[in-house]
Structures are given as C-alpha cells and as structure tokens.
Amino acid sequence: MPKPGIPLQAALIPDCTEPEAHRAAYRTAKANNAIFVCIARHGQRWKVQLDVMASRKPYVPDQAMAILQSAAEALVLDGTVEQANIGADYISMWPIETEERAREIAAAFHAAMYGLQLLHIAAPSQLEPSPRPGGGR
C-alpha cells in the first residue's frame, strides 16, 4: 500500500464492486486521512467514485473543483462516460467501458484532487472556498 496522502496509481485503485470491499476501502482511506477513490462494476461497465470527506484535510475549494468539473464534462462530451456528478466533496462517473479505463480516470482525478487540496493548503487565501452549509469546510 502506498504512503497515505499520496495519489494512487491506476493499478492500486481498489475494486469496490462488493459492498464490504467498499466499506473496507473507505475505512482505510479515513484511517489514513486520505481522499477515498475506487472503481466498481456498474452492470457490464464500470463506475469511478471519489470522496474528499474521508480526509480531514481542507476540502477542495469550489473554484478548483471547476477544473475537475470541466474535465468530467469533457469525458461526457467525448462519450467516455454518460454521466458525471461533481460536488464540493464527491465525484462519480459512469458507465465506463473497461476496468482499465476506469482505473486511469480514477487515478487521474485522484491525483488532481490531491494536487488541488495541497495547493489550497499552501495558498488558502488564493483559493478560498465559499462557506459550506453548517459552517464546515
């Protein structure tokens, strides 16, 4: 297992098709203060999921999430995925044709989320997010 806090390579993205595998991977991410990422079979195809809330570090700011939103929209436009949900702390995309492609996409978005999170930690005043409901970030 890579050092916590480091983006995962495509081959190391967990397959969380089974609910217990999903729970175990999320617990591991939370215990390691890491951004959660996984792939899962979605019918005959695959789904990618990422969740920043597993990490206790600052959320990725809304302005930075716009970059991820744009990348997800490009995947929809080129037909790689049919649907993409991007929120302040969550990304999911599906269906993806192959497991290999799902792993590539998951690894790329995981690395981008880490990079944007680290940039926010280094320069918070430059990428300050809008206030979150309930006072959290």
Protein backbone atom coordinates (compact mmCIF):
# COMPACT_ATOMS: atom_id res chain seq x y z
CA MET A 1 0.00 0.00 0.00
CA PRO A 2 1.39 3.43 -0.87
CA LYS A 3 2.14 6.00 1.77
CA PRO A 4 -1.06 7.74 2.98
CA GLY A 5 -1.66 11.11 1.39
CA ILE A 6 -0.22 10.11 -1.97
CA PRO A 7 -2.39 9.67 -5.07
CA LEU A 8 -2.88 6.06 -6.06
CA GLN A 9 -1.57 4.62 -9.30
CA ALA A 10 -4.24 3.13 -11.57
CA ALA A 11 -3.30 -0.47 -10.68
CA LEU A 12 -3.78 0.27 -6.95
CA ILE A 13 -7.28 1.76 -7.18
CA PRO A 14 -9.49 -0.65 -5.20
CA ASP A 15 -12.33 -2.55 -6.88
CA CYS A 16 -15.27 -1.87 -4.59
CA THR A 17 -17.94 -3.73 -6.54
CA GLU A 18 -18.84 -5.68 -3.40
CA PRO A 19 -20.33 -3.57 -0.57
CA GLU A 20 -17.90 -4.98 2.02
CA ALA A 21 -14.93 -4.05 -0.19
CA HIS A 22 -16.34 -0.51 -0.46
CA ARG A 23 -16.76 -0.21 3.32
CA ALA A 24 -13.25 -1.57 3.94
CA ALA A 25 -11.63 0.76 1.38
CA TYR A 26 -13.49 3.78 2.80
CA ARG A 27 -12.46 2.87 6.37
CA THR A 28 -8.85 2.55 5.20
CA ALA A 29 -8.94 5.94 3.48
CA LYS A 30 -10.48 7.53 6.56
CA ALA A 31 -7.92 5.90 8.89
CA ASN A 32 -5.12 7.17 6.64
CA ASN A 33 -6.62 10.67 6.30
CA ALA A 34 -6.74 10.12 2.54
CA ILE A 35 -9.10 11.05 -0.27
CA PHE A 36 -11.22 7.97 -0.98
CA VAL A 37 -11.16 6.57 -4.52
CA CYS A 38 -12.48 3.37 -6.02
CA ILE A 39 -13.91 1.73 -9.09
CA ALA A 40 -16.89 -0.60 -9.12
CA ARG A 41 -18.64 -2.74 -11.68
CA HIS A 42 -21.80 -0.99 -12.85
CA GLY A 43 -23.73 -3.57 -14.86
CA GLN A 44 -21.44 -4.59 -17.72
CA ARG A 45 -19.38 -1.43 -17.34
CA TRP A 46 -17.55 0.46 -14.56
CA LYS A 47 -18.04 3.41 -12.25
CA VAL A 48 -15.48 5.75 -10.63
CA GLN A 49 -16.06 7.26 -7.18
CA LEU A 50 -14.02 9.76 -5.17
CA ASP A 51 -14.85 11.28 -1.79
CA VAL A 52 -12.83 14.06 -0.16
CA MET A 53 -14.74 13.73 3.14
CA ALA A 54 -12.67 10.68 4.10
CA SER A 55 -9.76 13.10 4.53
CA ARG A 56 -9.60 15.52 7.46
CA LYS A 57 -7.64 17.99 5.34
CA PRO A 58 -9.38 21.05 3.88
CA TYR A 59 -11.89 20.42 1.16
CA VAL A 60 -11.00 21.24 -2.41
CA PRO A 61 -12.24 24.81 -2.99
CA ASP A 62 -15.19 25.42 -5.31
CA GLN A 63 -13.01 27.37 -7.75
CA ALA A 64 -10.62 24.43 -8.02
CA MET A 65 -13.49 21.94 -8.35
CA ALA A 66 -14.47 23.84 -11.51
CA ILE A 67 -11.34 22.37 -13.12
CA LEU A 68 -12.48 18.85 -12.26
CA GLN A 69 -16.00 19.68 -13.45
CA SER A 70 -14.60 20.78 -16.80
CA ALA A 71 -12.57 17.57 -17.14
CA ALA A 72 -15.63 15.45 -16.30
CA GLU A 73 -17.72 17.35 -18.85
CA ALA A 74 -15.06 16.65 -21.48
CA LEU A 75 -15.36 12.93 -20.71
CA VAL A 76 -19.12 13.15 -21.19
CA LEU A 77 -18.79 15.11 -24.43
CA ASP A 78 -16.33 12.62 -25.93
CA GLY A 79 -18.52 9.66 -24.91
CA THR A 80 -16.11 8.13 -22.39
CA VAL A 81 -18.81 8.39 -19.70
CA GLU A 82 -22.53 9.05 -19.94
CA GLN A 83 -22.97 10.67 -16.54
CA ALA A 84 -20.74 12.58 -14.17
CA ASN A 85 -21.68 14.00 -10.78
CA ILE A 86 -19.27 16.53 -9.33
CA GLY A 87 -19.93 18.03 -5.92
CA ALA A 88 -17.87 20.00 -3.43
CA ASP A 89 -16.60 16.79 -1.88
CA TYR A 90 -17.63 13.96 -4.21
CA ILE A 91 -17.11 12.78 -7.79
CA SER A 92 -18.76 9.87 -9.57
CA MET A 93 -18.70 8.97 -13.25
CA TRP A 94 -20.29 6.10 -15.15
CA PRO A 95 -20.64 3.96 -17.22
CA ILE A 96 -17.08 3.44 -18.38
CA GLU A 97 -16.40 0.77 -20.97
CA THR A 98 -13.45 -1.08 -19.39
CA GLU A 99 -11.92 -1.60 -15.98
CA GLU A 100 -8.58 -0.33 -17.30
CA ARG A 101 -10.12 2.95 -18.48
CA ALA A 102 -12.00 3.34 -15.18
CA ARG A 103 -8.72 2.90 -13.30
CA GLU A 104 -6.99 5.50 -15.50
CA ILE A 105 -9.76 8.04 -14.92
CA ALA A 106 -9.90 7.33 -11.17
CA ALA A 107 -6.13 7.72 -10.81
CA ALA A 108 -6.12 10.99 -12.79
CA PHE A 109 -8.95 12.56 -10.78
CA HIS A 110 -7.45 11.29 -7.50
CA ALA A 111 -4.11 12.92 -8.35
CA ALA A 112 -5.85 16.15 -9.39
CA MET A 113 -7.88 16.30 -6.17
CA TYR A 114 -4.74 15.79 -4.09
CA GLY A 115 -2.88 18.45 -6.04
CA LEU A 116 -5.70 20.97 -5.69
CA GLN A 117 -6.04 20.16 -1.99
CA LEU A 118 -2.29 20.68 -1.45
CA LEU A 119 -2.41 23.94 -3.37
CA HIS A 120 -5.25 25.13 -1.13
CA ILE A 121 -3.22 24.21 1.97
CA ALA A 122 -0.19 26.09 0.62
CA ALA A 123 -2.12 29.14 -0.62
CA PRO A 124 -5.52 29.18 1.12
CA SER A 125 -6.21 32.87 0.57
CA GLN A 126 -5.84 32.42 -3.20
CA LEU A 127 -8.36 29.58 -3.45
CA GLU A 128 -10.72 30.27 -0.57
CA PRO A 129 -13.93 28.23 -0.89
CA SER A 130 -17.35 29.67 -0.34
CA PRO A 131 -18.80 28.87 3.11
CA ARG A 132 -20.32 25.41 3.44
CA PRO A 133 -23.77 24.85 4.94
CA GLY A 134 -23.42 24.06 8.63
CA GLY A 135 -20.18 26.03 8.95
CA GLY A 136 -17.79 23.23 7.85
CA ARG A 137 -15.27 23.25 5.02
